[in-house]
């Protein structure tokens, strides 16, 4: 019987498999973003929160299961709110007992990172640079260039 023979698929190189995996990860991220835009992110999702008057984001987590409410804004664009829990930025000084203290607020989602809104780190306007709490080298304010790295005229 020909159906009993194990079939051999086309052999693929490691690079092709890695490329396919990267494409599938990107597709999954896009799908998760779409679901988050429609229903809101699940509880515990890491997000960035920007308070008014601050030029940086604070680390936060979604404390509600999806969006809590949909409010009509005066501009006519509905705002999707979620309960978030945010803390101090990783570079802020202060007493160690304040490092673990968090605040819960109900704020709108805005992928542009406007003040008093939250956004997912992949949409952070700081793009993993200075002022983003999820950056590899999280710091604020931006580090000035070193004098020895600047060329003299």
Protein backbone atom coordinates (compact mmCIF):
# COMPACT_ATOMS: atom_id res chain seq x y z
CA UNK A 1 0.00 0.00 0.00
CA UNK A 2 1.49 3.29 -1.00
CA UNK A 3 -0.20 5.18 1.90
CA UNK A 4 1.77 3.19 4.49
CA UNK A 5 5.10 4.53 3.32
CA UNK A 6 6.37 7.47 5.34
CA UNK A 7 6.42 10.53 3.20
CA UNK A 8 9.44 12.73 3.10
CA UNK A 9 8.82 16.42 2.79
CA UNK A 10 11.14 18.83 1.09
CA UNK A 11 14.21 19.41 3.19
CA UNK A 12 14.58 22.96 4.39
CA UNK A 13 17.65 24.71 5.61
CA UNK A 14 17.94 26.01 9.15
CA UNK A 15 17.84 29.57 7.79
CA UNK A 16 14.53 28.92 6.01
CA UNK A 17 13.01 27.48 9.18
CA UNK A 18 14.25 30.46 11.22
CA UNK A 19 12.81 32.88 8.64
CA UNK A 20 9.46 31.10 8.73
CA UNK A 21 9.47 31.20 12.54
CA UNK A 22 10.24 34.94 12.49
CA UNK A 23 7.39 35.52 10.02
CA UNK A 24 5.01 33.47 12.18
CA UNK A 25 6.05 35.43 15.30
CA UNK A 26 5.41 38.72 13.49
CA UNK A 27 2.01 37.45 12.34
CA UNK A 28 1.16 36.37 15.90
CA UNK A 29 2.21 39.77 17.28
CA UNK A 30 0.00 41.50 14.69
CA UNK A 31 -2.93 39.26 15.65
CA UNK A 32 -2.39 39.94 19.36
CA UNK A 33 -2.31 43.67 18.64
CA UNK A 34 -5.58 43.39 16.70
CA UNK A 35 -7.25 41.48 19.55
CA UNK A 36 -5.93 44.01 22.06
CA UNK A 37 -7.35 46.84 19.95
CA UNK A 38 -10.78 45.17 19.82
CA UNK A 39 -11.15 43.63 23.28
CA UNK A 40 -8.27 45.02 25.24
CA UNK A 41 -5.20 43.30 26.63
CA UNK A 42 -5.51 40.52 29.21
CA UNK A 43 -4.76 40.99 32.90
CA UNK A 44 -1.03 41.29 33.60
CA UNK A 45 -0.01 42.63 30.19
CA UNK A 46 3.03 44.90 30.52
CA UNK A 47 2.34 48.41 29.27
CA UNK A 48 3.87 51.88 29.48
CA UNK A 49 2.04 54.72 31.23
CA UNK A 50 2.85 58.37 30.62
CA UNK A 51 1.78 60.82 33.30
CA UNK A 52 1.12 64.46 32.41
CA UNK A 53 4.20 66.67 32.59
CA UNK A 54 6.67 63.79 32.44
CA UNK A 55 8.82 63.17 29.40
CA UNK A 56 9.17 59.46 30.10
CA UNK A 57 7.01 56.38 30.57
CA UNK A 58 6.48 54.40 33.74
CA UNK A 59 6.28 50.60 33.88
CA UNK A 60 2.70 49.39 34.30
CA UNK A 61 0.50 46.31 34.05
CA UNK A 62 -3.11 45.99 32.97
CA UNK A 63 -5.21 45.19 36.06
CA UNK A 64 -8.52 44.68 34.23
CA UNK A 65 -9.46 41.90 31.83
CA UNK A 66 -9.61 43.89 28.62
CA UNK A 67 -11.10 47.35 28.28
CA UNK A 68 -13.29 48.51 31.16
CA UNK A 69 -15.30 51.09 29.21
CA UNK A 70 -15.63 52.89 25.94
CA UNK A 71 -16.09 56.66 26.32
CA UNK A 72 -16.94 59.10 23.58
CA UNK A 73 -14.36 61.87 23.49
CA UNK A 74 -15.34 65.45 22.50
CA UNK A 75 -13.38 64.93 19.26
CA UNK A 76 -15.80 62.13 18.36
CA UNK A 77 -13.15 59.45 18.64
CA UNK A 78 -14.05 56.85 21.29
CA UNK A 79 -11.52 56.23 24.03
CA UNK A 80 -10.95 52.70 25.29
CA UNK A 81 -10.18 52.65 28.99
CA UNK A 82 -8.51 49.98 31.10
CA UNK A 83 -7.53 49.75 34.74
CA UNK A 84 -3.76 49.86 34.97
CA UNK A 85 -1.35 49.58 37.87
CA UNK A 86 1.84 51.62 37.55
CA UNK A 87 4.89 52.15 39.68
CA UNK A 88 8.01 54.25 39.79
CA UNK A 89 10.34 54.42 36.83
CA UNK A 90 13.42 52.16 37.17
CA UNK A 91 15.80 55.15 37.23
CA UNK A 92 13.92 57.13 39.92
CA UNK A 93 15.67 57.48 43.25
CA UNK A 94 14.01 57.51 46.60
CA UNK A 95 13.28 55.21 49.46
CA UNK A 96 13.32 51.48 48.76
CA UNK A 97 9.81 51.02 50.22
CA UNK A 98 8.45 53.33 47.51
CA UNK A 99 9.95 51.17 44.74
CA UNK A 100 7.33 48.47 45.36
CA UNK A 101 4.44 50.90 45.83
CA UNK A 102 2.01 51.04 42.90
CA UNK A 103 -1.01 53.12 41.92
CA UNK A 104 -4.16 51.92 40.16
CA UNK A 105 -5.85 54.27 37.70
CA UNK A 106 -8.40 53.95 34.93
CA UNK A 107 -6.85 55.55 31.85
CA UNK A 108 -7.44 55.53 28.09
CA UNK A 109 -5.28 53.60 25.65
CA UNK A 110 -3.42 55.67 23.07
CA UNK A 111 -0.78 54.08 20.83
CA UNK A 112 0.84 57.51 20.31
CA UNK A 113 1.80 57.78 23.99
CA UNK A 114 -0.03 61.02 24.83
CA UNK A 115 0.10 62.20 28.46
CA UNK A 116 -2.27 60.45 30.88
CA UNK A 117 -2.61 57.43 28.56
CA UNK A 118 -1.10 53.96 28.33
CA UNK A 119 0.30 51.98 25.40
CA UNK A 120 1.97 48.65 24.76
CA UNK A 121 5.80 48.76 24.70
CA UNK A 122 5.90 47.82 21.00
CA UNK A 123 4.06 51.10 20.27
CA UNK A 124 6.16 53.21 22.63
CA UNK A 125 7.05 56.56 21.03
CA UNK A 126 10.45 56.27 22.72
CA UNK A 127 11.01 53.01 20.81
CA UNK A 128 13.10 51.35 23.52
CA UNK A 129 15.30 54.42 23.95
CA UNK A 130 15.77 56.87 26.85
CA UNK A 131 12.57 57.26 28.84
CA UNK A 132 11.17 53.79 28.09
CA UNK A 133 11.10 51.55 31.20
CA UNK A 134 11.41 48.41 29.04
CA UNK A 135 14.52 49.58 27.17
CA UNK A 136 17.65 47.45 27.48
CA UNK A 137 19.41 50.43 29.09
CA UNK A 138 16.51 52.19 30.85
CA UNK A 139 17.56 55.69 31.92
CA UNK A 140 16.31 59.28 32.11
CA UNK A 141 17.13 61.98 31.18
CA UNK A 142 18.82 61.05 27.93
CA UNK A 143 22.55 60.70 28.41
CA UNK A 144 24.51 63.59 26.88
CA UNK A 145 27.16 62.66 24.31
CA UNK A 146 30.62 62.10 25.74
CA UNK A 147 33.04 64.92 25.09
CA UNK A 148 35.78 62.59 23.91
CA UNK A 149 33.47 61.11 21.26
CA UNK A 150 32.75 64.52 19.70
CA UNK A 151 35.21 65.43 16.97
CA UNK A 152 36.85 68.83 17.08
CA UNK A 153 36.38 71.08 14.01
